């Protein structure tokens, strides 16, 4: 079931997983269960049962054996197709009854991010943009509050909210900041998002929208991290996972070393808590992978629906 583990450097192991190698029918329930919980209101016990099923299936395929190497400090997942939608960190170790994230920081890799990158130590300030339309149905007040809360954590950071959250501002200022935090709507459904007045594969700004295909032209060679905190991908029966990988790949092509994106839209308050904790951890000197892990562990007593959608793709350092 697991096609192999590739040791990238000391303490880091990458697990390569393919749809061909994994019986998708056996693991299908936990792929969708957190997302379904958002609309079908699954009880915690039911979700736990599905997660335990998933853990058993992956253990049978030597998943845990592939990462059980000496001094492992980071687990990197190279997934294909629908497996890109799995928040692997919610898998439960049947021996300890703990989530995988309680033992390891976990990130995902694309075919571009799986190539070695020089480490960028510039994590000192961020450019935050959010809630470009606060007075209509697209308002994201929680996202705006989120940006206001995280900006003071890193000296030299800037926040552009409401009418100031313009694409022109973003494209002009982005190359100057190592962290770009976009707390705005993104639409990655093939049919578009009529309720948000967004075409497919676009991110909402005040003046004009960013076509994700143009992300590769942004010139982000000094960018260590792009955070898409209010965007969500569409998880549909016919989705292949390519749209999620494509978002990240285009930002990586532009030069960004990593992206944090959401598999589904989480609750405002929990997202705010997680992001504040994440940036506080970065300020303490943690790697991105460990900073995100510790932020999630601070919410570990809550339903995984609230903390597991955010995944780190790319360089976890």
C-alpha atoms as a PDB file:
ATOM      1  CA  UNK A   1       0.000   0.000   0.000  1.00  0.00           C
ATOM      2  CA  UNK A   2       2.856   2.366   0.690  1.00  0.00           C
ATOM      3  CA  UNK A   3       5.133   2.521  -2.295  1.00  0.00           C
ATOM      4  CA  UNK A   4       8.183   3.652  -0.413  1.00  0.00           C
ATOM      5  CA  UNK A   5       9.863   6.047   1.981  1.00  0.00           C
ATOM      6  CA  UNK A   6      12.544   8.409   0.764  1.00  0.00           C
ATOM      7  CA  UNK A   7      14.957   9.903   3.266  1.00  0.00           C
ATOM      8  CA  UNK A   8      15.505  13.538   2.216  1.00  0.00           C
ATOM      9  CA  UNK A   9      17.884  14.499   5.001  1.00  0.00           C
ATOM     10  CA  UNK A  10      18.610  13.499   8.576  1.00  0.00           C
ATOM     11  CA  UNK A  11      15.404  13.373  10.575  1.00  0.00           C
ATOM     12  CA  UNK A  12      13.090  13.831   7.583  1.00  0.00           C
ATOM     13  CA  UNK A  13      11.250  11.099   5.780  1.00  0.00           C
ATOM     14  CA  UNK A  14       8.989  11.472   2.740  1.00  0.00           C
ATOM     15  CA  UNK A  15       6.315   8.867   2.179  1.00  0.00           C
ATOM     16  CA  UNK A  16       5.226   8.453  -1.437  1.00  0.00           C
ATOM     17  CA  UNK A  17       1.659   7.247  -1.867  1.00  0.00           C
ATOM     18  CA  UNK A  18      -0.252   6.530  -5.066  1.00  0.00           C
ATOM     19  CA  UNK A  19      -3.871   5.799  -5.822  1.00  0.00           C
ATOM     20  CA  UNK A  20      -2.787   2.704  -7.684  1.00  0.00           C
ATOM     21  CA  UNK A  21      -1.050   1.363  -4.611  1.00  0.00           C
ATOM     22  CA  UNK A  22      -3.837   2.140  -2.122  1.00  0.00           C
ATOM     23  CA  UNK A  23      -7.267   0.534  -2.260  1.00  0.00           C
ATOM     24  CA  UNK A  24      -9.280   3.741  -2.276  1.00  0.00           C
ATOM     25  CA  UNK A  25     -12.477   1.958  -1.347  1.00  0.00           C
ATOM     26  CA  UNK A  26     -10.944   0.830   1.919  1.00  0.00           C
ATOM     27  CA  UNK A  27      -9.942   4.332   2.977  1.00  0.00           C
ATOM     28  CA  UNK A  28     -12.704   6.368   1.311  1.00  0.00           C
ATOM     29  CA  UNK A  29     -14.757   7.114   4.459  1.00  0.00           C
ATOM     30  CA  UNK A  30     -11.999   8.983   6.334  1.00  0.00           C
ATOM     31  CA  UNK A  31     -11.065  10.915   3.178  1.00  0.00           C
ATOM     32  CA  UNK A  32     -14.408  12.638   3.193  1.00  0.00           C
ATOM     33  CA  UNK A  33     -15.584  12.280   6.769  1.00  0.00           C
ATOM     34  CA  UNK A  34     -14.200  15.562   8.172  1.00  0.00           C
ATOM     35  CA  UNK A  35     -15.644  17.477   5.238  1.00  0.00           C
ATOM     36  CA  UNK A  36     -18.937  15.650   5.471  1.00  0.00           C
ATOM     37  CA  UNK A  37     -19.008  16.429   9.170  1.00  0.00           C
ATOM     38  CA  UNK A  38     -19.330  20.082   8.264  1.00  0.00           C
ATOM     39  CA  UNK A  39     -22.632  19.518   6.471  1.00  0.00           C
ATOM     40  CA  UNK A  40     -23.920  16.263   7.905  1.00  0.00           C
ATOM     41  CA  UNK A  41     -23.052  16.970  11.553  1.00  0.00           C
ATOM     42  CA  UNK A  42     -21.338  13.651  12.227  1.00  0.00           C
ATOM     43  CA  UNK A  43     -20.939  12.870  15.894  1.00  0.00           C
ATOM     44  CA  UNK A  44     -17.461  12.724  17.374  1.00  0.00           C
ATOM     45  CA  UNK A  45     -17.799   8.989  18.049  1.00  0.00           C
ATOM     46  CA  UNK A  46     -18.682   8.250  14.427  1.00  0.00           C
ATOM     47  CA  UNK A  47     -15.749  10.267  13.132  1.00  0.00           C
ATOM     48  CA  UNK A  48     -13.426   8.552  15.583  1.00  0.00           C
ATOM     49  CA  UNK A  49     -14.596   5.153  14.367  1.00  0.00           C
ATOM     50  CA  UNK A  50     -13.861   6.103  10.766  1.00  0.00           C
ATOM     51  CA  UNK A  51     -10.436   7.433  11.710  1.00  0.00           C
ATOM     52  CA  UNK A  52      -9.574   4.219  13.537  1.00  0.00           C
ATOM     53  CA  UNK A  53     -10.614   2.306  10.419  1.00  0.00           C
ATOM     54  CA  UNK A  54      -8.264   4.458   8.388  1.00  0.00           C
ATOM     55  CA  UNK A  55      -5.434   3.915  10.843  1.00  0.00           C
ATOM     56  CA  UNK A  56      -5.858   0.146  10.600  1.00  0.00           C
ATOM     57  CA  UNK A  57      -5.854   0.262   6.806  1.00  0.00           C
ATOM     58  CA  UNK A  58      -2.718   2.374   6.626  1.00  0.00           C
ATOM     59  CA  UNK A  59      -0.921   0.265   9.212  1.00  0.00           C
ATOM     60  CA  UNK A  60      -1.693  -2.850   7.195  1.00  0.00           C
ATOM     61  CA  UNK A  61       0.067  -1.102   4.330  1.00  0.00           C
ATOM     62  CA  UNK A  62       3.176  -0.383   6.390  1.00  0.00           C
ATOM     63  CA  UNK A  63       2.414   3.342   6.571  1.00  0.00           C
ATOM     64  CA  UNK A  64       3.623   3.645  10.125  1.00  0.00           C
ATOM     65  CA  UNK A  65       6.572   1.359   9.413  1.00  0.00           C
ATOM     66  CA  UNK A  66       7.650   3.634   6.570  1.00  0.00           C
ATOM     67  CA  UNK A  67       7.987   6.580   8.944  1.00  0.00           C
ATOM     68  CA  UNK A  68       9.355   4.649  11.894  1.00  0.00           C
ATOM     69  CA  UNK A  69      12.970   5.562  11.202  1.00  0.00           C
ATOM     70  CA  UNK A  70      15.556   6.706  13.701  1.00  0.00           C
ATOM     71  CA  UNK A  71      15.355  10.356  14.761  1.00  0.00           C
ATOM     72  CA  UNK A  72      12.425  11.190  12.464  1.00  0.00           C
ATOM     73  CA  UNK A  73      11.535  14.841  13.030  1.00  0.00           C
ATOM     74  CA  UNK A  74       9.263  15.583  10.067  1.00  0.00           C
ATOM     75  CA  UNK A  75       6.946  13.438   7.948  1.00  0.00           C
ATOM     76  CA  UNK A  76       6.434  14.645   4.378  1.00  0.00           C
ATOM     77  CA  UNK A  77       3.604  13.165   2.308  1.00  0.00           C
ATOM     78  CA  UNK A  78       3.744  12.920  -1.473  1.00  0.00           C
ATOM     79  CA  UNK A  79       0.175  12.054  -2.415  1.00  0.00           C
ATOM     80  CA  UNK A  80      -1.665  11.812  -5.723  1.00  0.00           C
ATOM     81  CA  UNK A  81      -5.281  12.178  -6.817  1.00  0.00           C
ATOM     82  CA  UNK A  82      -7.966  12.108  -4.132  1.00  0.00           C
ATOM     83  CA  UNK A  83      -5.392  11.279  -1.485  1.00  0.00           C
ATOM     84  CA  UNK A  84      -4.433  14.959  -1.566  1.00  0.00           C
ATOM     85  CA  UNK A  85      -7.657  15.569   0.362  1.00  0.00           C
ATOM     86  CA  UNK A  86      -6.636  13.442   3.336  1.00  0.00           C
ATOM     87  CA  UNK A  87      -5.466  15.319   6.427  1.00  0.00           C
ATOM     88  CA  UNK A  88      -3.122  12.441   7.323  1.00  0.00           C
ATOM     89  CA  UNK A  89      -2.454  13.922  10.740  1.00  0.00           C
ATOM     90  CA  UNK A  90      -5.901  12.832  11.988  1.00  0.00           C
ATOM     91  CA  UNK A  91      -5.083   9.162  11.501  1.00  0.00           C
ATOM     92  CA  UNK A  92      -4.987   7.409  14.848  1.00  0.00           C
ATOM     93  CA  UNK A  93      -2.190   5.153  16.013  1.00  0.00           C
ATOM     94  CA  UNK A  94      -4.080   2.141  17.345  1.00  0.00           C
ATOM     95  CA  UNK A  95      -1.239   1.378  19.772  1.00  0.00           C
ATOM     96  CA  UNK A  96      -1.346   4.746  21.513  1.00  0.00           C
ATOM     97  CA  UNK A  97      -4.819   5.956  20.483  1.00  0.00           C
ATOM     98  CA  UNK A  98      -3.250   9.285  19.568  1.00  0.00           C
ATOM     99  CA  UNK A  99      -3.397  11.311  16.384  1.00  0.00           C
ATOM    100  CA  UNK A 100      -0.380  11.076  14.102  1.00  0.00           C
ATOM    101  CA  UNK A 101       0.244  14.813  14.554  1.00  0.00           C
ATOM    102  CA  UNK A 102       0.793  14.240  18.264  1.00  0.00           C
ATOM    103  CA  UNK A 103       3.999  12.430  17.318  1.00  0.00           C
ATOM    104  CA  UNK A 104       5.224  14.165  14.135  1.00  0.00           C
ATOM    105  CA  UNK A 105       4.978  17.461  12.294  1.00  0.00           C
ATOM    106  CA  UNK A 106       3.459  16.628   8.892  1.00  0.00           C
ATOM    107  CA  UNK A 107       3.630  18.430   5.564  1.00  0.00           C
ATOM    108  CA  UNK A 108       2.746  17.629   1.970  1.00  0.00           C
ATOM    109  CA  UNK A 109       4.982  17.935  -1.074  1.00  0.00           C
ATOM    110  CA  UNK A 110       4.260  18.595  -4.730  1.00  0.00           C
ATOM    111  CA  UNK A 111       6.548  17.474  -7.528  1.00  0.00           C
ATOM    112  CA  UNK A 112       8.187  20.886  -7.333  1.00  0.00           C
ATOM    113  CA  UNK A 113       8.526  21.146  -3.558  1.00  0.00           C
ATOM    114  CA  UNK A 114       9.991  17.644  -3.357  1.00  0.00           C
ATOM    115  CA  UNK A 115      13.147  19.109  -4.915  1.00  0.00           C
ATOM    116  CA  UNK A 116      15.707  20.404  -2.394  1.00  0.00           C
ATOM    117  CA  UNK A 117      15.476  24.145  -1.696  1.00  0.00           C
ATOM    118  CA  UNK A 118      17.903  26.479   0.065  1.00  0.00           C
ATOM    119  CA  UNK A 119      16.624  27.422   3.493  1.00  0.00           C
ATOM    120  CA  UNK A 120      15.135  30.893   3.810  1.00  0.00           C
ATOM    121  CA  UNK A 121      15.557  32.206   7.330  1.00  0.00           C
ATOM    122  CA  UNK A 122      13.548  35.386   6.716  1.00  0.00           C
ATOM    123  CA  UNK A 123      10.327  34.843   8.655  1.00  0.00           C
ATOM    124  CA  UNK A 124      10.297  38.226  10.352  1.00  0.00           C
ATOM    125  CA  UNK A 125       7.270  40.030   8.911  1.00  0.00           C
ATOM    126  CA  UNK A 126       4.086  39.428   6.975  1.00  0.00           C
ATOM    127  CA  UNK A 127       1.821  41.160   4.507  1.00  0.00           C
ATOM    128  CA  UNK A 128      -1.806  40.503   5.408  1.00  0.00           C
ATOM    129  CA  UNK A 129      -4.808  41.213   3.205  1.00  0.00           C
ATOM    130  CA  UNK A 130      -8.376  40.299   4.042  1.00  0.00           C
ATOM    131  CA  UNK A 131     -12.108  40.835   3.880  1.00  0.00           C
ATOM    132  CA  UNK A 132     -12.174  42.997   0.730  1.00  0.00           C
ATOM    133  CA  UNK A 133     -15.985  43.298   0.787  1.00  0.00           C
ATOM    134  CA  UNK A 134     -17.031  43.787   4.437  1.00  0.00           C
ATOM    135  CA  UNK A 135     -20.474  45.158   3.625  1.00  0.00           C
ATOM    136  CA  UNK A 136     -22.030  42.451   1.465  1.00  0.00           C
ATOM    137  CA  UNK A 137     -22.693  38.734   1.541  1.00  0.00           C
ATOM    138  CA  UNK A 138     -19.022  37.985   0.982  1.00  0.00           C
ATOM    139  CA  UNK A 139     -17.973  39.577   4.252  1.00  0.00           C
ATOM    140  CA  UNK A 140     -15.380  37.685   6.303  1.00  0.00           C
ATOM    141  CA  UNK A 141     -15.362  39.562   9.591  1.00  0.00           C
ATOM    142  CA  UNK A 142     -13.626  36.690  11.342  1.00  0.00           C
ATOM    143  CA  UNK A 143     -10.854  36.723   8.740  1.00  0.00           C
ATOM    144  CA  UNK A 144     -10.444  40.478   9.181  1.00  0.00           C
ATOM    145  CA  UNK A 145     -10.166  40.058  12.953  1.00  0.00           C
ATOM    146  CA  UNK A 146      -7.635  37.298  12.309  1.00  0.00           C
ATOM    147  CA  UNK A 147      -5.369  39.608  10.279  1.00  0.00           C
ATOM    148  CA  UNK A 148      -5.676  42.356  12.881  1.00  0.00           C
ATOM    149  CA  UNK A 149      -4.607  39.875  15.554  1.00  0.00           C
ATOM    150  CA  UNK A 150      -1.602  38.361  13.811  1.00  0.00           C
ATOM    151  CA  UNK A 151      -0.074  41.502  12.270  1.00  0.00           C
ATOM    152  CA  UNK A 152       1.257  42.925  15.587  1.00  0.00           C
ATOM    153  CA  UNK A 153       2.967  39.618  16.376  1.00  0.00           C
ATOM    154  CA  UNK A 154       5.692  40.151  13.769  1.00  0.00           C
ATOM    155  CA  UNK A 155       7.257  43.654  13.759  1.00  0.00           C
ATOM    156  CA  UNK A 156       7.313  45.332  10.353  1.00  0.00           C
ATOM    157  CA  UNK A 157       4.151  43.582   9.203  1.00  0.00           C
ATOM    158  CA  UNK A 158       1.376  45.357   7.300  1.00  0.00           C
ATOM    159  CA  UNK A 159      -2.371  44.787   7.120  1.00  0.00           C
ATOM    160  CA  UNK A 160      -4.585  45.916   4.232  1.00  0.00           C
ATOM    161  CA  UNK A 161      -8.248  45.287   4.932  1.00  0.00           C
ATOM    162  CA  UNK A 162     -11.603  46.101   3.392  1.00  0.00           C
ATOM    163  CA  UNK A 163     -11.289  48.614   0.552  1.00  0.00           C
ATOM    164  CA  UNK A 164      -7.489  48.502   0.948  1.00  0.00           C
ATOM    165  CA  UNK A 165      -7.300  44.772   0.163  1.00  0.00           C
ATOM    166  CA  UNK A 166      -6.510  45.322  -3.501  1.00  0.00           C
ATOM    167  CA  UNK A 167      -4.744  43.021  -5.915  1.00  0.00           C
ATOM    168  CA  UNK A 168      -2.596  45.934  -7.085  1.00  0.00           C
ATOM    169  CA  UNK A 169      -1.434  46.427  -3.494  1.00  0.00           C
ATOM    170  CA  UNK A 170      -0.705  42.732  -3.139  1.00  0.00           C
ATOM    171  CA  UNK A 171       1.301  42.448  -6.371  1.00  0.00           C
ATOM    172  CA  UNK A 172       3.304  45.604  -5.548  1.00  0.00           C
ATOM    173  CA  UNK A 173       4.144  44.750  -1.931  1.00  0.00           C
ATOM    174  CA  UNK A 174       4.325  40.946  -2.020  1.00  0.00           C
ATOM    175  CA  UNK A 175       7.999  40.698  -3.111  1.00  0.00           C
ATOM    176  CA  UNK A 176       9.032  42.697  -0.023  1.00  0.00           C
ATOM    177  CA  UNK A 177       7.576  40.313   2.563  1.00  0.00           C
ATOM    178  CA  UNK A 178       8.687  36.776   3.474  1.00  0.00           C
ATOM    179  CA  UNK A 179       5.140  35.826   4.583  1.00  0.00           C
ATOM    180  CA  UNK A 180       1.966  36.537   2.617  1.00  0.00           C
ATOM    181  CA  UNK A 181      -1.307  35.997   4.483  1.00  0.00           C
ATOM    182  CA  UNK A 182      -4.481  36.111   2.381  1.00  0.00           C
ATOM    183  CA  UNK A 183      -7.669  36.013   4.457  1.00  0.00           C
ATOM    184  CA  UNK A 184     -10.092  36.248   1.568  1.00  0.00           C
ATOM    185  CA  UNK A 185     -12.354  34.023  -0.506  1.00  0.00           C
ATOM    186  CA  UNK A 186     -10.926  31.700  -3.113  1.00  0.00           C
ATOM    187  CA  UNK A 187     -12.921  29.636  -5.578  1.00  0.00           C
ATOM    188  CA  UNK A 188     -11.475  26.393  -6.910  1.00  0.00           C
ATOM    189  CA  UNK A 189     -14.647  24.652  -8.026  1.00  0.00           C
ATOM    190  CA  UNK A 190     -14.628  23.830 -11.749  1.00  0.00           C
ATOM    191  CA  UNK A 191     -18.066  25.425 -12.168  1.00  0.00           C
ATOM    192  CA  UNK A 192     -17.166  28.625 -10.285  1.00  0.00           C
ATOM    193  CA  UNK A 193     -18.769  30.087  -7.149  1.00  0.00           C
ATOM    194  CA  UNK A 194     -21.880  32.074  -8.007  1.00  0.00           C
ATOM    195  CA  UNK A 195     -22.570  32.981  -4.372  1.00  0.00           C
ATOM    196  CA  UNK A 196     -19.169  34.681  -4.176  1.00  0.00           C
ATOM    197  CA  UNK A 197     -19.306  36.159  -7.696  1.00  0.00           C
ATOM    198  CA  UNK A 198     -16.083  34.323  -8.448  1.00  0.00           C
ATOM    199  CA  UNK A 199     -15.025  32.401 -11.502  1.00  0.00           C
ATOM    200  CA  UNK A 200     -13.192  29.111 -11.099  1.00  0.00           C
ATOM    201  CA  UNK A 201      -9.592  29.303  -9.878  1.00  0.00           C
ATOM    202  CA  UNK A 202      -9.688  32.884  -8.632  1.00  0.00           C
ATOM    203  CA  UNK A 203      -8.940  34.673  -5.358  1.00  0.00           C
ATOM    204  CA  UNK A 204     -11.068  37.647  -4.306  1.00  0.00           C
ATOM    205  CA  UNK A 205      -9.571  41.143  -3.987  1.00  0.00           C
ATOM    206  CA  UNK A 206     -11.258  44.546  -3.820  1.00  0.00           C
ATOM    207  CA  UNK A 207     -10.261  45.961  -7.229  1.00  0.00           C
ATOM    208  CA  UNK A 208      -9.950  42.828  -9.358  1.00  0.00           C
ATOM    209  CA  UNK A 209      -9.514  39.141  -8.742  1.00  0.00           C
ATOM    210  CA  UNK A 210      -6.363  37.078  -9.030  1.00  0.00           C
ATOM    211  CA  UNK A 211      -6.557  34.278 -11.558  1.00  0.00           C
ATOM    212  CA  UNK A 212      -4.550  31.540  -9.897  1.00  0.00           C
ATOM    213  CA  UNK A 213      -2.841  30.817 -13.218  1.00  0.00           C
ATOM    214  CA  UNK A 214      -1.182  34.231 -12.917  1.00  0.00           C
ATOM    215  CA  UNK A 215       0.299  33.408  -9.504  1.00  0.00           C
ATOM    216  CA  UNK A 216       3.402  32.051 -11.202  1.00  0.00           C
ATOM    217  CA  UNK A 217       4.109  35.567 -12.494  1.00  0.00           C
ATOM    218  CA  UNK A 218       4.112  37.279  -9.099  1.00  0.00           C
ATOM    219  CA  UNK A 219       7.866  37.066  -8.527  1.00  0.00           C
ATOM    220  CA  UNK A 220       7.919  35.568  -5.024  1.00  0.00           C
ATOM    221  CA  UNK A 221      11.558  34.464  -4.836  1.00  0.00           C
ATOM    222  CA  UNK A 222      11.866  36.112  -1.406  1.00  0.00           C
ATOM    223  CA  UNK A 223       8.639  34.541  -0.130  1.00  0.00           C
ATOM    224  CA  UNK A 224       9.009  31.864   2.506  1.00  0.00           C
ATOM    225  CA  UNK A 225       5.307  31.189   3.046  1.00  0.00           C
ATOM    226  CA  UNK A 226       1.906  31.929   1.513  1.00  0.00           C
ATOM    227  CA  UNK A 227      -1.087  31.386   3.816  1.00  0.00           C
ATOM    228  CA  UNK A 228      -4.554  31.026   2.263  1.00  0.00           C
ATOM    229  CA  UNK A 229      -6.596  31.054   5.439  1.00  0.00           C
ATOM    230  CA  UNK A 230     -10.106  31.615   4.098  1.00  0.00           C
ATOM    231  CA  UNK A 231      -9.864  29.775   0.781  1.00  0.00           C
ATOM    232  CA  UNK A 232     -11.226  26.285   0.334  1.00  0.00           C
ATOM    233  CA  UNK A 233     -11.049  23.629  -2.317  1.00  0.00           C
ATOM    234  CA  UNK A 234     -14.067  21.746  -3.557  1.00  0.00           C
ATOM    235  CA  UNK A 235     -14.121  18.115  -2.527  1.00  0.00           C
ATOM    236  CA  UNK A 236     -16.540  16.477  -4.917  1.00  0.00           C
ATOM    237  CA  UNK A 237     -17.075  12.925  -6.056  1.00  0.00           C
ATOM    238  CA  UNK A 238     -15.428  13.675  -9.403  1.00  0.00           C
ATOM    239  CA  UNK A 239     -12.573  15.773  -8.002  1.00  0.00           C
ATOM    240  CA  UNK A 240      -9.117  14.434  -8.761  1.00  0.00           C
ATOM    241  CA  UNK A 241      -7.154  16.543  -6.307  1.00  0.00           C
ATOM    242  CA  UNK A 242      -5.366  18.304  -9.154  1.00  0.00           C
ATOM    243  CA  UNK A 243      -6.917  21.703  -8.410  1.00  0.00           C
ATOM    244  CA  UNK A 244      -5.551  21.621  -4.865  1.00  0.00           C
ATOM    245  CA  UNK A 245      -2.075  20.637  -6.027  1.00  0.00           C
ATOM    246  CA  UNK A 246      -2.264  23.228  -8.787  1.00  0.00           C
ATOM    247  CA  UNK A 247      -2.857  26.120  -6.392  1.00  0.00           C
ATOM    248  CA  UNK A 248       0.260  25.268  -4.462  1.00  0.00           C
ATOM    249  CA  UNK A 249       2.347  24.423  -7.509  1.00  0.00           C
ATOM    250  CA  UNK A 250       1.693  27.842  -9.088  1.00  0.00           C
ATOM    251  CA  UNK A 251       2.721  29.723  -5.951  1.00  0.00           C
ATOM    252  CA  UNK A 252       5.828  27.538  -5.751  1.00  0.00           C
ATOM    253  CA  UNK A 253       6.621  28.285  -9.387  1.00  0.00           C
ATOM    254  CA  UNK A 254       6.459  31.972  -8.503  1.00  0.00           C
ATOM    255  CA  UNK A 255       9.194  31.305  -5.932  1.00  0.00           C
ATOM    256  CA  UNK A 256       7.299  30.686  -2.666  1.00  0.00           C
ATOM    257  CA  UNK A 257       8.874  27.936  -0.580  1.00  0.00           C
ATOM    258  CA  UNK A 258       5.657  26.746   1.010  1.00  0.00           C
ATOM    259  CA  UNK A 259       1.908  27.264   1.205  1.00  0.00           C
ATOM    260  CA  UNK A 260      -0.620  26.725   3.981  1.00  0.00           C
ATOM    261  CA  UNK A 261      -4.065  26.067   2.531  1.00  0.00           C
ATOM    262  CA  UNK A 262      -7.375  24.772   3.820  1.00  0.00           C
ATOM    263  CA  UNK A 263      -9.057  21.577   2.691  1.00  0.00           C
ATOM    264  CA  UNK A 264     -12.404  23.013   3.801  1.00  0.00           C
ATOM    265  CA  UNK A 265     -13.637  26.218   5.389  1.00  0.00           C
ATOM    266  CA  UNK A 266     -13.147  26.068   9.141  1.00  0.00           C
ATOM    267  CA  UNK A 267     -14.913  28.092  11.813  1.00  0.00           C
ATOM    268  CA  UNK A 268     -13.775  31.703  12.247  1.00  0.00           C
ATOM    269  CA  UNK A 269     -12.907  31.569  15.927  1.00  0.00           C
ATOM    270  CA  UNK A 270     -10.897  28.338  15.743  1.00  0.00           C
ATOM    271  CA  UNK A 271      -9.096  29.535  12.622  1.00  0.00           C
ATOM    272  CA  UNK A 272      -8.185  32.769  14.375  1.00  0.00           C
ATOM    273  CA  UNK A 273      -6.915  30.863  17.426  1.00  0.00           C
ATOM    274  CA  UNK A 274      -4.863  28.512  15.270  1.00  0.00           C
ATOM    275  CA  UNK A 275      -3.307  31.301  13.203  1.00  0.00           C
ATOM    276  CA  UNK A 276      -2.402  33.384  16.249  1.00  0.00           C
ATOM    277  CA  UNK A 277      -0.737  30.359  17.842  1.00  0.00           C
ATOM    278  CA  UNK A 278       1.053  29.543  14.573  1.00  0.00           C
ATOM    279  CA  UNK A 279       2.616  32.994  14.251  1.00  0.00           C
ATOM    280  CA  UNK A 280       3.483  33.120  17.939  1.00  0.00           C
ATOM    281  CA  UNK A 281       5.339  29.843  17.438  1.00  0.00           C
ATOM    282  CA  UNK A 282       7.169  31.173  14.377  1.00  0.00           C
ATOM    283  CA  UNK A 283       8.241  34.179  16.414  1.00  0.00           C
ATOM    284  CA  UNK A 284       9.708  31.791  18.983  1.00  0.00           C
ATOM    285  CA  UNK A 285      11.947  30.352  16.269  1.00  0.00           C
ATOM    286  CA  UNK A 286      10.082  27.146  15.454  1.00  0.00           C
ATOM    287  CA  UNK A 287      10.120  25.725  11.942  1.00  0.00           C
ATOM    288  CA  UNK A 288       6.907  26.153   9.950  1.00  0.00           C
ATOM    289  CA  UNK A 289       6.115  22.467  10.342  1.00  0.00           C
ATOM    290  CA  UNK A 290       6.568  22.476  14.109  1.00  0.00           C
ATOM    291  CA  UNK A 291       4.840  25.854  14.505  1.00  0.00           C
ATOM    292  CA  UNK A 292       1.737  24.554  12.748  1.00  0.00           C
ATOM    293  CA  UNK A 293       1.859  21.287  14.677  1.00  0.00           C
ATOM    294  CA  UNK A 294       2.027  23.043  18.037  1.00  0.00           C
ATOM    295  CA  UNK A 295      -0.780  25.397  17.004  1.00  0.00           C
ATOM    296  CA  UNK A 296      -2.964  22.391  16.196  1.00  0.00           C
ATOM    297  CA  UNK A 297      -2.022  20.659  19.416  1.00  0.00           C
ATOM    298  CA  UNK A 298      -3.282  23.724  21.291  1.00  0.00           C
ATOM    299  CA  UNK A 299      -6.715  22.878  19.821  1.00  0.00           C
ATOM    300  CA  UNK A 300      -6.350  19.103  20.013  1.00  0.00           C
ATOM    301  CA  UNK A 301      -9.238  18.737  22.500  1.00  0.00           C
ATOM    302  CA  UNK A 302     -11.628  20.189  19.929  1.00  0.00           C
ATOM    303  CA  UNK A 303     -13.171  18.295  17.023  1.00  0.00           C
ATOM    304  CA  UNK A 304     -10.615  17.673  14.219  1.00  0.00           C
ATOM    305  CA  UNK A 305     -13.003  19.529  11.925  1.00  0.00           C
ATOM    306  CA  UNK A 306     -11.701  22.759  13.442  1.00  0.00           C
ATOM    307  CA  UNK A 307      -7.931  22.253  13.332  1.00  0.00           C
ATOM    308  CA  UNK A 308      -7.144  19.603  10.718  1.00  0.00           C
ATOM    309  CA  UNK A 309      -8.133  21.360   7.440  1.00  0.00           C
ATOM    310  CA  UNK A 310      -5.003  23.510   7.340  1.00  0.00           C
ATOM    311  CA  UNK A 311      -2.116  21.686   5.733  1.00  0.00           C
ATOM    312  CA  UNK A 312       1.417  22.793   5.016  1.00  0.00           C
ATOM    313  CA  UNK A 313       2.626  22.093   1.494  1.00  0.00           C
ATOM    314  CA  UNK A 314       6.276  22.551   0.584  1.00  0.00           C
ATOM    315  CA  UNK A 315       9.338  23.352   2.676  1.00  0.00           C
ATOM    316  CA  UNK A 316       8.529  22.752   6.358  1.00  0.00           C
ATOM    317  CA  UNK A 317      11.668  24.443   7.715  1.00  0.00           C
END
